[in-house]
Amino acid sequence: MAVELAEEELKLAPHDAELLVSLAVNNAELGDSARARDYLRRSMELLPEDDRVMFDIGFTHEVLGDRDAALDWIVRAVENGFSKYQVEHTPGLRGLCSDVRYQRRVQRDGGR
């Protein structure tokens, strides 16, 4: 139901990156990877500058099994001010956070 309401709202605001990435996350979690990838692509085309949108893009990539892209977006979110603590305490990101590549990048880039 929430997805349907968000899709209706998207008709009024088709360039809302937050709404697009929210739909991407929801569809990924529901197992609809094709729709999730479409919403994800559309949200990324808007060149998001918001750290929360970057985080959600990374989270969606992780749910979809795209670890490399997830790492890039999650680290980018942290570099832009998103809470490293929140990343590392998000249940769906446990695997990513235990990945040595994440640990190296966060240490190298200073993390937050």
PDB file of N, CA and C in Angstrom:
ATOM      1  N   MET A   1       0.816  -1.187   0.000  1.00  0.00           N
ATOM      2  CA  MET A   1       0.000   0.000   0.000  1.00  0.00           C
ATOM      3  C   MET A   1       0.870   1.265   0.000  1.00  0.00           C
ATOM      4  N   ALA A   2       1.925   1.266   0.813  1.00  0.00           N
ATOM      5  CA  ALA A   2       2.800   2.439   0.863  1.00  0.00           C
ATOM      6  C   ALA A   2       3.455   2.688  -0.488  1.00  0.00           C
ATOM      7  N   VAL A   3       3.819   1.611  -1.179  1.00  0.00           N
ATOM      8  CA  VAL A   3       4.436   1.757  -2.499  1.00  0.00           C
ATOM      9  C   VAL A   3       3.452   2.386  -3.471  1.00  0.00           C
ATOM     10  N   GLU A   4       2.213   1.951  -3.428  1.00  0.00           N
ATOM     11  CA  GLU A   4       1.200   2.498  -4.330  1.00  0.00           C
ATOM     12  C   GLU A   4       0.975   3.990  -4.064  1.00  0.00           C
ATOM     13  N   LEU A   5       0.930   4.368  -2.794  1.00  0.00           N
ATOM     14  CA  LEU A   5       0.758   5.782  -2.447  1.00  0.00           C
ATOM     15  C   LEU A   5       1.949   6.613  -2.915  1.00  0.00           C
ATOM     16  N   ALA A   6       3.147   6.080  -2.735  1.00  0.00           N
ATOM     17  CA  ALA A   6       4.346   6.792  -3.177  1.00  0.00           C
ATOM     18  C   ALA A   6       4.372   6.921  -4.697  1.00  0.00           C
ATOM     19  N   GLU A   7       3.915   5.895  -5.400  1.00  0.00           N
ATOM     20  CA  GLU A   7       3.866   5.969  -6.864  1.00  0.00           C
ATOM     21  C   GLU A   7       2.868   7.036  -7.322  1.00  0.00           C
ATOM     22  N   GLU A   8       1.777   7.188  -6.612  1.00  0.00           N
ATOM     23  CA  GLU A   8       0.816   8.250  -6.931  1.00  0.00           C
ATOM     24  C   GLU A   8       1.448   9.619  -6.683  1.00  0.00           C
ATOM     25  N   GLU A   9       2.164   9.741  -5.575  1.00  0.00           N
ATOM     26  CA  GLU A   9       2.835  11.001  -5.260  1.00  0.00           C
ATOM     27  C   GLU A   9       3.900  11.329  -6.311  1.00  0.00           C
ATOM     28  N   LEU A  10       4.551  10.285  -6.846  1.00  0.00           N
ATOM     29  CA  LEU A  10       5.588  10.477  -7.850  1.00  0.00           C
ATOM     30  C   LEU A  10       5.031  11.106  -9.128  1.00  0.00           C
ATOM     31  N   LYS A  11       3.765  10.864  -9.405  1.00  0.00           N
ATOM     32  CA  LYS A  11       3.142  11.474 -10.581  1.00  0.00           C
ATOM     33  C   LYS A  11       3.128  12.995 -10.451  1.00  0.00           C
ATOM     34  N   LEU A  12       3.049  13.484  -9.233  1.00  0.00           N
ATOM     35  CA  LEU A  12       3.038  14.926  -8.986  1.00  0.00           C
ATOM     36  C   LEU A  12       4.447  15.508  -8.889  1.00  0.00           C
ATOM     37  N   ALA A  13       5.411  14.657  -8.540  1.00  0.00           N
ATOM     38  CA  ALA A  13       6.795  15.122  -8.356  1.00  0.00           C
ATOM     39  C   ALA A  13       7.760  14.111  -8.967  1.00  0.00           C
ATOM     40  N   PRO A  14       7.793  14.002 -10.299  1.00  0.00           N
ATOM     41  CA  PRO A  14       8.593  12.956 -10.960  1.00  0.00           C
ATOM     42  C   PRO A  14      10.105  13.121 -10.815  1.00  0.00           C
ATOM     43  N   HIS A  15      10.557  14.265 -10.334  1.00  0.00           N
ATOM     44  CA  HIS A  15      11.995  14.499 -10.183  1.00  0.00           C
ATOM     45  C   HIS A  15      12.409  14.599  -8.722  1.00  0.00           C
ATOM     46  N   ASP A  16      11.658  13.968  -7.852  1.00  0.00           N
ATOM     47  CA  ASP A  16      11.944  13.970  -6.423  1.00  0.00           C
ATOM     48  C   ASP A  16      12.870  12.788  -6.111  1.00  0.00           C
ATOM     49  N   ALA A  17      14.164  13.080  -5.945  1.00  0.00           N
ATOM     50  CA  ALA A  17      15.156  12.020  -5.729  1.00  0.00           C
ATOM     51  C   ALA A  17      14.858  11.213  -4.471  1.00  0.00           C
ATOM     52  N   GLU A  18      14.403  11.880  -3.413  1.00  0.00           N
ATOM     53  CA  GLU A  18      14.092  11.168  -2.167  1.00  0.00           C
ATOM     54  C   GLU A  18      12.959  10.177  -2.374  1.00  0.00           C
ATOM     55  N   LEU A  19      11.955  10.583  -3.090  1.00  0.00           N
ATOM     56  CA  LEU A  19      10.816   9.705  -3.355  1.00  0.00           C
ATOM     57  C   LEU A  19      11.230   8.547  -4.262  1.00  0.00           C
ATOM     58  N   LEU A  20      12.016   8.846  -5.288  1.00  0.00           N
ATOM     59  CA  LEU A  20      12.475   7.792  -6.193  1.00  0.00           C
ATOM     60  C   LEU A  20      13.307   6.746  -5.468  1.00  0.00           C
ATOM     61  N   VAL A  21      14.239   7.202  -4.640  1.00  0.00           N
ATOM     62  CA  VAL A  21      15.087   6.234  -3.950  1.00  0.00           C
ATOM     63  C   VAL A  21      14.291   5.486  -2.879  1.00  0.00           C
ATOM     64  N   SER A  22      13.309   6.121  -2.293  1.00  0.00           N
ATOM     65  CA  SER A  22      12.442   5.426  -1.342  1.00  0.00           C
ATOM     66  C   SER A  22      11.695   4.292  -2.042  1.00  0.00           C
ATOM     67  N   LEU A  23      11.204   4.576  -3.232  1.00  0.00           N
ATOM     68  CA  LEU A  23      10.535   3.528  -4.006  1.00  0.00           C
ATOM     69  C   LEU A  23      11.513   2.427  -4.412  1.00  0.00           C
ATOM     70  N   ALA A  24      12.746   2.806  -4.697  1.00  0.00           N
ATOM     71  CA  ALA A  24      13.765   1.808  -5.039  1.00  0.00           C
ATOM     72  C   ALA A  24      14.002   0.874  -3.852  1.00  0.00           C
ATOM     73  N   VAL A  25      14.193   1.446  -2.669  1.00  0.00           N
ATOM     74  CA  VAL A  25      14.420   0.650  -1.460  1.00  0.00           C
ATOM     75  C   VAL A  25      13.233  -0.279  -1.212  1.00  0.00           C
ATOM     76  N   ASN A  26      12.030   0.277  -1.235  1.00  0.00           N
ATOM     77  CA  ASN A  26      10.838  -0.524  -0.951  1.00  0.00           C
ATOM     78  C   ASN A  26      10.667  -1.670  -1.941  1.00  0.00           C
ATOM     79  N   ASN A  27      10.858  -1.387  -3.232  1.00  0.00           N
ATOM     80  CA  ASN A  27      10.705  -2.447  -4.227  1.00  0.00           C
ATOM     81  C   ASN A  27      11.797  -3.499  -4.097  1.00  0.00           C
ATOM     82  N   ALA A  28      13.018  -3.079  -3.758  1.00  0.00           N
ATOM     83  CA  ALA A  28      14.098  -4.041  -3.549  1.00  0.00           C
ATOM     84  C   ALA A  28      13.768  -4.959  -2.383  1.00  0.00           C
ATOM     85  N   GLU A  29      13.293  -4.381  -1.288  1.00  0.00           N
ATOM     86  CA  GLU A  29      12.945  -5.180  -0.114  1.00  0.00           C
ATOM     87  C   GLU A  29      11.761  -6.111  -0.383  1.00  0.00           C
ATOM     88  N   LEU A  30      10.906  -5.717  -1.315  1.00  0.00           N
ATOM     89  CA  LEU A  30       9.764  -6.570  -1.680  1.00  0.00           C
ATOM     90  C   LEU A  30      10.137  -7.624  -2.726  1.00  0.00           C
ATOM     91  N   GLY A  31      11.382  -7.574  -3.198  1.00  0.00           N
ATOM     92  CA  GLY A  31      11.847  -8.567  -4.157  1.00  0.00           C
ATOM     93  C   GLY A  31      11.609  -8.210  -5.608  1.00  0.00           C
ATOM     94  N   ASP A  32      11.141  -7.010  -5.884  1.00  0.00           N
ATOM     95  CA  ASP A  32      10.912  -6.582  -7.266  1.00  0.00           C
ATOM     96  C   ASP A  32      12.154  -5.829  -7.753  1.00  0.00           C
ATOM     97  N   SER A  33      13.171  -6.592  -8.130  1.00  0.00           N
ATOM     98  CA  SER A  33      14.449  -5.978  -8.482  1.00  0.00           C
ATOM     99  C   SER A  33      14.365  -5.142  -9.750  1.00  0.00           C
ATOM    100  N   ALA A  34      13.524  -5.513 -10.700  1.00  0.00           N
ATOM    101  CA  ALA A  34      13.416  -4.739 -11.937  1.00  0.00           C
ATOM    102  C   ALA A  34      12.891  -3.332 -11.655  1.00  0.00           C
ATOM    103  N   ARG A  35      11.828  -3.265 -10.872  1.00  0.00           N
ATOM    104  CA  ARG A  35      11.290  -1.942 -10.514  1.00  0.00           C
ATOM    105  C   ARG A  35      12.261  -1.167  -9.640  1.00  0.00           C
ATOM    106  N   ALA A  36      12.885  -1.865  -8.714  1.00  0.00           N
ATOM    107  CA  ALA A  36      13.856  -1.213  -7.830  1.00  0.00           C
ATOM    108  C   ALA A  36      14.985  -0.601  -8.649  1.00  0.00           C
ATOM    109  N   ARG A  37      15.498  -1.343  -9.611  1.00  0.00           N
ATOM    110  CA  ARG A  37      16.595  -0.844 -10.442  1.00  0.00           C
ATOM    111  C   ARG A  37      16.154   0.350 -11.296  1.00  0.00           C
ATOM    112  N   ASP A  38      14.919   0.328 -11.767  1.00  0.00           N
ATOM    113  CA  ASP A  38      14.414   1.461 -12.544  1.00  0.00           C
ATOM    114  C   ASP A  38      14.351   2.719 -11.676  1.00  0.00           C
ATOM    115  N   TYR A  39      13.773   2.603 -10.493  1.00  0.00           N
ATOM    116  CA  TYR A  39      13.698   3.763  -9.596  1.00  0.00           C
ATOM    117  C   TYR A  39      15.094   4.205  -9.167  1.00  0.00           C
ATOM    118  N   LEU A  40      15.970   3.247  -8.954  1.00  0.00           N
ATOM    119  CA  LEU A  40      17.345   3.559  -8.559  1.00  0.00           C
ATOM    120  C   LEU A  40      18.046   4.339  -9.667  1.00  0.00           C
ATOM    121  N   ARG A  41      17.917   3.865 -10.886  1.00  0.00           N
ATOM    122  CA  ARG A  41      18.524   4.551 -12.034  1.00  0.00           C
ATOM    123  C   ARG A  41      18.001   5.979 -12.137  1.00  0.00           C
ATOM    124  N   ARG A  42      16.710   6.133 -11.992  1.00  0.00           N
ATOM    125  CA  ARG A  42      16.110   7.470 -12.092  1.00  0.00           C
ATOM    126  C   ARG A  42      16.588   8.387 -10.970  1.00  0.00           C
ATOM    127  N   SER A  43      16.727   7.862  -9.775  1.00  0.00           N
ATOM    128  CA  SER A  43      17.197   8.701  -8.660  1.00  0.00           C
ATOM    129  C   SER A  43      18.655   9.103  -8.861  1.00  0.00           C
ATOM    130  N   MET A  44      19.473   8.200  -9.385  1.00  0.00           N
ATOM    131  CA  MET A  44      20.885   8.514  -9.599  1.00  0.00           C
ATOM    132  C   MET A  44      21.076   9.514 -10.734  1.00  0.00           C
ATOM    133  N   GLU A  45      20.187   9.505 -11.706  1.00  0.00           N
ATOM    134  CA  GLU A  45      20.274  10.468 -12.811  1.00  0.00           C
ATOM    135  C   GLU A  45      20.103  11.908 -12.329  1.00  0.00           C
ATOM    136  N   LEU A  46      19.481  12.077 -11.186  1.00  0.00           N
ATOM    137  CA  LEU A  46      19.250  13.419 -10.645  1.00  0.00           C
ATOM    138  C   LEU A  46      20.476  13.959  -9.896  1.00  0.00           C
ATOM    139  N   LEU A  47      21.571  13.205  -9.919  1.00  0.00           N
ATOM    140  CA  LEU A  47      22.815  13.592  -9.255  1.00  0.00           C
ATOM    141  C   LEU A  47      22.566  14.049  -7.822  1.00  0.00           C
ATOM    142  N   PRO A  48      22.134  13.126  -6.989  1.00  0.00           N
ATOM    143  CA  PRO A  48      21.798  13.491  -5.616  1.00  0.00           C
ATOM    144  C   PRO A  48      22.978  14.059  -4.848  1.00  0.00           C
ATOM    145  N   GLU A  49      22.709  15.090  -4.094  1.00  0.00           N
ATOM    146  CA  GLU A  49      23.726  15.701  -3.245  1.00  0.00           C
ATOM    147  C   GLU A  49      23.405  15.509  -1.774  1.00  0.00           C
ATOM    148  N   ASP A  50      22.258  14.970  -1.476  1.00  0.00           N
ATOM    149  CA  ASP A  50      21.817  14.758  -0.103  1.00  0.00           C
ATOM    150  C   ASP A  50      22.418  13.454   0.428  1.00  0.00           C
ATOM    151  N   ASP A  51      23.056  13.511   1.594  1.00  0.00           N
ATOM    152  CA  ASP A  51      23.716  12.328   2.140  1.00  0.00           C
ATOM    153  C   ASP A  51      22.725  11.205   2.450  1.00  0.00           C
ATOM    154  N   ARG A  52      21.487  11.544   2.803  1.00  0.00           N
ATOM    155  CA  ARG A  52      20.485  10.509   3.074  1.00  0.00           C
ATOM    156  C   ARG A  52      20.101   9.782   1.783  1.00  0.00           C
ATOM    157  N   VAL A  53      19.973  10.525   0.701  1.00  0.00           N
ATOM    158  CA  VAL A  53      19.662   9.903  -0.591  1.00  0.00           C
ATOM    159  C   VAL A  53      20.827   9.003  -1.009  1.00  0.00           C
ATOM    160  N   MET A  54      22.058   9.465  -0.816  1.00  0.00           N
ATOM    161  CA  MET A  54      23.231   8.650  -1.143  1.00  0.00           C
ATOM    162  C   MET A  54      23.220   7.353  -0.336  1.00  0.00           C
ATOM    163  N   PHE A  55      22.908   7.483   0.954  1.00  0.00           N
ATOM    164  CA  PHE A  55      22.824   6.299   1.811  1.00  0.00           C
ATOM    165  C   PHE A  55      21.769   5.331   1.281  1.00  0.00           C
ATOM    166  N   ASP A  56      20.587   5.839   0.970  1.00  0.00           N
ATOM    167  CA  ASP A  56      19.507   4.972   0.482  1.00  0.00           C
ATOM    168  C   ASP A  56      19.853   4.318  -0.843  1.00  0.00           C
ATOM    169  N   ILE A  57      20.571   5.035  -1.703  1.00  0.00           N
ATOM    170  CA  ILE A  57      21.025   4.430  -2.963  1.00  0.00           C
ATOM    171  C   ILE A  57      21.978   3.269  -2.657  1.00  0.00           C
ATOM    172  N   GLY A  58      22.911   3.514  -1.744  1.00  0.00           N
ATOM    173  CA  GLY A  58      23.839   2.454  -1.352  1.00  0.00           C
ATOM    174  C   GLY A  58      23.128   1.268  -0.718  1.00  0.00           C
ATOM    175  N   PHE A  59      22.190   1.565   0.165  1.00  0.00           N
ATOM    176  CA  PHE A  59      21.428   0.500   0.827  1.00  0.00           C
ATOM    177  C   PHE A  59      20.675  -0.328  -0.210  1.00  0.00           C
ATOM    178  N   THR A  60      20.063   0.342  -1.174  1.00  0.00           N
ATOM    179  CA  THR A  60      19.313  -0.376  -2.212  1.00  0.00           C
ATOM    180  C   THR A  60      20.239  -1.271  -3.017  1.00  0.00           C
ATOM    181  N   HIS A  61      21.407  -0.763  -3.383  1.00  0.00           N
ATOM    182  CA  HIS A  61      22.373  -1.602  -4.108  1.00  0.00           C
ATOM    183  C   HIS A  61      22.731  -2.843  -3.288  1.00  0.00           C
ATOM    184  N   GLU A  62      22.906  -2.662  -1.989  1.00  0.00           N
ATOM    185  CA  GLU A  62      23.242  -3.807  -1.133  1.00  0.00           C
ATOM    186  C   GLU A  62      22.100  -4.818  -1.120  1.00  0.00           C
ATOM    187  N   VAL A  63      20.871  -4.356  -0.988  1.00  0.00           N
ATOM    188  CA  VAL A  63      19.717  -5.261  -0.999  1.00  0.00           C
ATOM    189  C   VAL A  63      19.647  -6.019  -2.329  1.00  0.00           C
ATOM    190  N   LEU A  64      20.011  -5.337  -3.403  1.00  0.00           N
ATOM    191  CA  LEU A  64      19.978  -5.958  -4.733  1.00  0.00           C
ATOM    192  C   LEU A  64      21.188  -6.851  -5.015  1.00  0.00           C
ATOM    193  N   GLY A  65      22.137  -6.869  -4.083  1.00  0.00           N
ATOM    194  CA  GLY A  65      23.312  -7.722  -4.259  1.00  0.00           C
ATOM    195  C   GLY A  65      24.443  -7.076  -5.032  1.00  0.00           C
ATOM    196  N   ASP A  66      24.397  -5.761  -5.199  1.00  0.00           N
ATOM    197  CA  ASP A  66      25.436  -5.025  -5.918  1.00  0.00           C
ATOM    198  C   ASP A  66      26.405  -4.408  -4.912  1.00  0.00           C
ATOM    199  N   ARG A  67      27.246  -5.229  -4.304  1.00  0.00           N
ATOM    200  CA  ARG A  67      28.117  -4.782  -3.216  1.00  0.00           C
ATOM    201  C   ARG A  67      29.062  -3.661  -3.639  1.00  0.00           C
ATOM    202  N   ASP A  68      29.661  -3.763  -4.831  1.00  0.00           N
ATOM    203  CA  ASP A  68      30.611  -2.720  -5.240  1.00  0.00           C
ATOM    204  C   ASP A  68      29.939  -1.345  -5.296  1.00  0.00           C
ATOM    205  N   ALA A  69      28.777  -1.288  -5.925  1.00  0.00           N
ATOM    206  CA  ALA A  69      28.045  -0.018  -6.008  1.00  0.00           C
ATOM    207  C   ALA A  69      27.592   0.421  -4.613  1.00  0.00           C
ATOM    208  N   ALA A  70      27.171  -0.528  -3.796  1.00  0.00           N
ATOM    209  CA  ALA A  70      26.748  -0.200  -2.428  1.00  0.00           C
ATOM    210  C   ALA A  70      27.897   0.435  -1.658  1.00  0.00           C
ATOM    211  N   LEU A  71      29.081  -0.139  -1.762  1.00  0.00           N
ATOM    212  CA  LEU A  71      30.246   0.423  -1.085  1.00  0.00           C
ATOM    213  C   LEU A  71      30.515   1.852  -1.535  1.00  0.00           C
ATOM    214  N   ASP A  72      30.489   2.058  -2.839  1.00  0.00           N
ATOM    215  CA  ASP A  72      30.763   3.400  -3.365  1.00  0.00           C
ATOM    216  C   ASP A  72      29.784   4.425  -2.806  1.00  0.00           C
ATOM    217  N   TRP A  73      28.495   4.102  -2.835  1.00  0.00           N
ATOM    218  CA  TRP A  73      27.482   5.060  -2.396  1.00  0.00           C
ATOM    219  C   TRP A  73      27.466   5.251  -0.879  1.00  0.00           C
ATOM    220  N   ILE A  74      27.689   4.188  -0.127  1.00  0.00           N
ATOM    221  CA  ILE A  74      27.702   4.312   1.333  1.00  0.00           C
ATOM    222  C   ILE A  74      28.893   5.154   1.772  1.00  0.00           C
ATOM    223  N   VAL A  75      30.058   4.889   1.213  1.00  0.00           N
ATOM    224  CA  VAL A  75      31.242   5.684   1.565  1.00  0.00           C
ATOM    225  C   VAL A  75      31.032   7.134   1.151  1.00  0.00           C
ATOM    226  N   ARG A  76      30.446   7.339  -0.019  1.00  0.00           N
ATOM    227  CA  ARG A  76      30.158   8.708  -0.470  1.00  0.00           C
ATOM    228  C   ARG A  76      29.212   9.416   0.506  1.00  0.00           C
ATOM    229  N   ALA A  77      28.207   8.694   0.988  1.00  0.00           N
ATOM    230  CA  ALA A  77      27.266   9.283   1.956  1.00  0.00           C
ATOM    231  C   ALA A  77      27.997   9.699   3.227  1.00  0.00           C
ATOM    232  N   VAL A  78      28.870   8.829   3.730  1.00  0.00           N
ATOM    233  CA  VAL A  78      29.628   9.147   4.945  1.00  0.00           C
ATOM    234  C   VAL A  78      30.537  10.345   4.700  1.00  0.00           C
ATOM    235  N   GLU A  79      31.188  10.376   3.548  1.00  0.00           N
ATOM    236  CA  GLU A  79      32.069  11.498   3.212  1.00  0.00           C
ATOM    237  C   GLU A  79      31.302  12.822   3.152  1.00  0.00           C
ATOM    238  N   ASN A  80      30.015  12.732   2.857  1.00  0.00           N
ATOM    239  CA  ASN A  80      29.179  13.933   2.747  1.00  0.00           C
ATOM    240  C   ASN A  80      28.385  14.226   4.016  1.00  0.00           C
ATOM    241  N   GLY A  81      28.729  13.539   5.106  1.00  0.00           N
ATOM    242  CA  GLY A  81      28.133  13.875   6.385  1.00  0.00           C
ATOM    243  C   GLY A  81      27.181  12.859   6.984  1.00  0.00           C
ATOM    244  N   PHE A  82      26.886  11.780   6.277  1.00  0.00           N
ATOM    245  CA  PHE A  82      25.986  10.785   6.848  1.00  0.00           C
ATOM    246  C   PHE A  82      26.695  10.078   7.993  1.00  0.00           C
ATOM    247  N   SER A  83      25.964   9.715   9.009  1.00  0.00           N
ATOM    248  CA  SER A  83      26.516   9.111  10.215  1.00  0.00           C
ATOM    249  C   SER A  83      27.100   7.716   9.970  1.00  0.00           C
ATOM    250  N   LYS A  84      28.400   7.591  10.210  1.00  0.00           N
ATOM    251  CA  LYS A  84      29.060   6.281  10.129  1.00  0.00           C
ATOM    252  C   LYS A  84      28.424   5.330  11.144  1.00  0.00           C
ATOM    253  N   TYR A  85      28.087   5.859  12.311  1.00  0.00           N
ATOM    254  CA  TYR A  85      27.432   5.054  13.345  1.00  0.00           C
ATOM    255  C   TYR A  85      26.125   4.462  12.806  1.00  0.00           C
ATOM    256  N   GLN A  86      25.337   5.288  12.139  1.00  0.00           N
ATOM    257  CA  GLN A  86      24.063   4.798  11.612  1.00  0.00           C
ATOM    258  C   GLN A  86      24.292   3.738  10.543  1.00  0.00           C
ATOM    259  N   VAL A  87      25.278   3.954   9.675  1.00  0.00           N
ATOM    260  CA  VAL A  87      25.603   2.939   8.661  1.00  0.00           C
ATOM    261  C   VAL A  87      25.912   1.618   9.355  1.00  0.00           C
ATOM    262  N   GLU A  88      26.776   1.684  10.344  1.00  0.00           N
ATOM    263  CA  GLU A  88      27.267   0.465  10.985  1.00  0.00           C
ATOM    264  C   GLU A  88      26.260  -0.178  11.930  1.00  0.00           C
ATOM    265  N   HIS A  89      25.143   0.497  12.168  1.00  0.00           N
ATOM    266  CA  HIS A  89      24.093  -0.073  13.006  1.00  0.00           C
ATOM    267  C   HIS A  89      22.791  -0.309  12.236  1.00  0.00           C
ATOM    268  N   THR A  90      22.891  -0.314  10.920  1.00  0.00           N
ATOM    269  CA  THR A  90      21.749  -0.640  10.070  1.00  0.00           C
ATOM    270  C   THR A  90      21.794  -2.138   9.793  1.00  0.00           C
ATOM    271  N   PRO A  91      20.800  -2.892  10.268  1.00  0.00           N
ATOM    272  CA  PRO A  91      20.838  -4.356  10.123  1.00  0.00           C
ATOM    273  C   PRO A  91      21.110  -4.845   8.701  1.00  0.00           C
ATOM    274  N   GLY A  92      20.540  -4.218   7.711  1.00  0.00           N
ATOM    275  CA  GLY A  92      20.723  -4.661   6.336  1.00  0.00           C
ATOM    276  C   GLY A  92      22.105  -4.387   5.763  1.00  0.00           C
ATOM    277  N   LEU A  93      22.960  -3.702   6.536  1.00  0.00           N
ATOM    278  CA  LEU A  93      24.309  -3.389   6.066  1.00  0.00           C
ATOM    279  C   LEU A  93      25.395  -4.117   6.856  1.00  0.00           C
ATOM    280  N   ARG A  94      25.018  -5.095   7.645  1.00  0.00           N
ATOM    281  CA  ARG A  94      26.021  -5.816   8.447  1.00  0.00           C
ATOM    282  C   ARG A  94      27.085  -6.454   7.572  1.00  0.00           C
ATOM    283  N   GLY A  95      26.668  -7.079   6.494  1.00  0.00           N
ATOM    284  CA  GLY A  95      27.634  -7.718   5.597  1.00  0.00           C
ATOM    285  C   GLY A  95      28.567  -6.709   4.961  1.00  0.00           C
ATOM    286  N   LEU A  96      28.023  -5.606   4.513  1.00  0.00           N
ATOM    287  CA  LEU A  96      28.832  -4.558   3.897  1.00  0.00           C
ATOM    288  C   LEU A  96      29.831  -4.002   4.902  1.00  0.00           C
ATOM    289  N   CYS A  97      29.393  -3.751   6.117  1.00  0.00           N
ATOM    290  CA  CYS A  97      30.267  -3.152   7.131  1.00  0.00           C
ATOM    291  C   CYS A  97      31.367  -4.108   7.576  1.00  0.00           C
ATOM    292  N   SER A  98      31.137  -5.395   7.444  1.00  0.00           N
ATOM    293  CA  SER A  98      32.184  -6.354   7.802  1.00  0.00           C
ATOM    294  C   SER A  98      33.116  -6.637   6.620  1.00  0.00           C
ATOM    295  N   ASP A  99      32.782  -6.118   5.459  1.00  0.00           N
ATOM    296  CA  ASP A  99      33.626  -6.271   4.264  1.00  0.00           C
ATOM    297  C   ASP A  99      34.901  -5.452   4.470  1.00  0.00           C
ATOM    298  N   VAL A 100      36.039  -6.073   4.279  1.00  0.00           N
ATOM    299  CA  VAL A 100      37.321  -5.403   4.490  1.00  0.00           C
ATOM    300  C   VAL A 100      37.456  -4.160   3.597  1.00  0.00           C
ATOM    301  N   ARG A 101      36.818  -4.174   2.439  1.00  0.00           N
ATOM    302  CA  ARG A 101      36.892  -3.005   1.549  1.00  0.00           C
ATOM    303  C   ARG A 101      36.211  -1.798   2.179  1.00  0.00           C
ATOM    304  N   TYR A 102      35.094  -2.018   2.862  1.00  0.00           N
ATOM    305  CA  TYR A 102      34.423  -0.920   3.562  1.00  0.00           C
ATOM    306  C   TYR A 102      35.332  -0.392   4.668  1.00  0.00           C
ATOM    307  N   GLN A 103      35.857  -1.304   5.463  1.00  0.00           N
ATOM    308  CA  GLN A 103      36.700  -0.906   6.589  1.00  0.00           C
ATOM    309  C   GLN A 103      37.919  -0.116   6.112  1.00  0.00           C
ATOM    310  N   ARG A 104      38.556  -0.563   5.041  1.00  0.00           N
ATOM    311  CA  ARG A 104      39.719   0.159   4.505  1.00  0.00           C
ATOM    312  C   ARG A 104      39.332   1.551   4.009  1.00  0.00           C
ATOM    313  N   ARG A 105      38.242   1.629   3.282  1.00  0.00           N
ATOM    314  CA  ARG A 105      37.841   2.928   2.715  1.00  0.00           C
ATOM    315  C   ARG A 105      37.426   3.913   3.785  1.00  0.00           C
ATOM    316  N   VAL A 106      36.736   3.448   4.787  1.00  0.00           N
ATOM    317  CA  VAL A 106      36.309   4.350   5.851  1.00  0.00           C
ATOM    318  C   VAL A 106      37.521   4.814   6.659  1.00  0.00           C
ATOM    319  N   GLN A 107      38.448   3.911   6.923  1.00  0.00           N
ATOM    320  CA  GLN A 107      39.664   4.300   7.638  1.00  0.00           C
ATOM    321  C   GLN A 107      40.497   5.256   6.799  1.00  0.00           C
ATOM    322  N   ARG A 108      40.668   4.953   5.516  1.00  0.00           N
ATOM    323  CA  ARG A 108      41.471   5.788   4.616  1.00  0.00           C
ATOM    324  C   ARG A 108      40.864   7.171   4.475  1.00  0.00           C
ATOM    325  N   ASP A 109      39.538   7.201   4.328  1.00  0.00           N
ATOM    326  CA  ASP A 109      38.854   8.466   4.102  1.00  0.00           C
ATOM    327  C   ASP A 109      38.499   9.170   5.408  1.00  0.00           C
ATOM    328  N   GLY A 110      38.812   8.547   6.510  1.00  0.00           N
ATOM    329  CA  GLY A 110      38.561   9.193   7.791  1.00  0.00           C
ATOM    330  C   GLY A 110      37.216   8.876   8.401  1.00  0.00           C
ATOM    331  N   GLY A 111      36.238   8.481   7.597  1.00  0.00           N
ATOM    332  CA  GLY A 111      34.912   8.171   8.131  1.00  0.00           C
ATOM    333  C   GLY A 111      34.390   9.246   9.067  1.00  0.00           C
ATOM    334  N   ARG A 112      33.188   9.109   9.529  1.00  0.00           N
ATOM    335  CA  ARG A 112      32.614  10.052  10.496  1.00  0.00           C
ATOM    336  C   ARG A 112      31.891   9.287  11.559  1.00  0.00           C
TER     337      ARG A 112
END
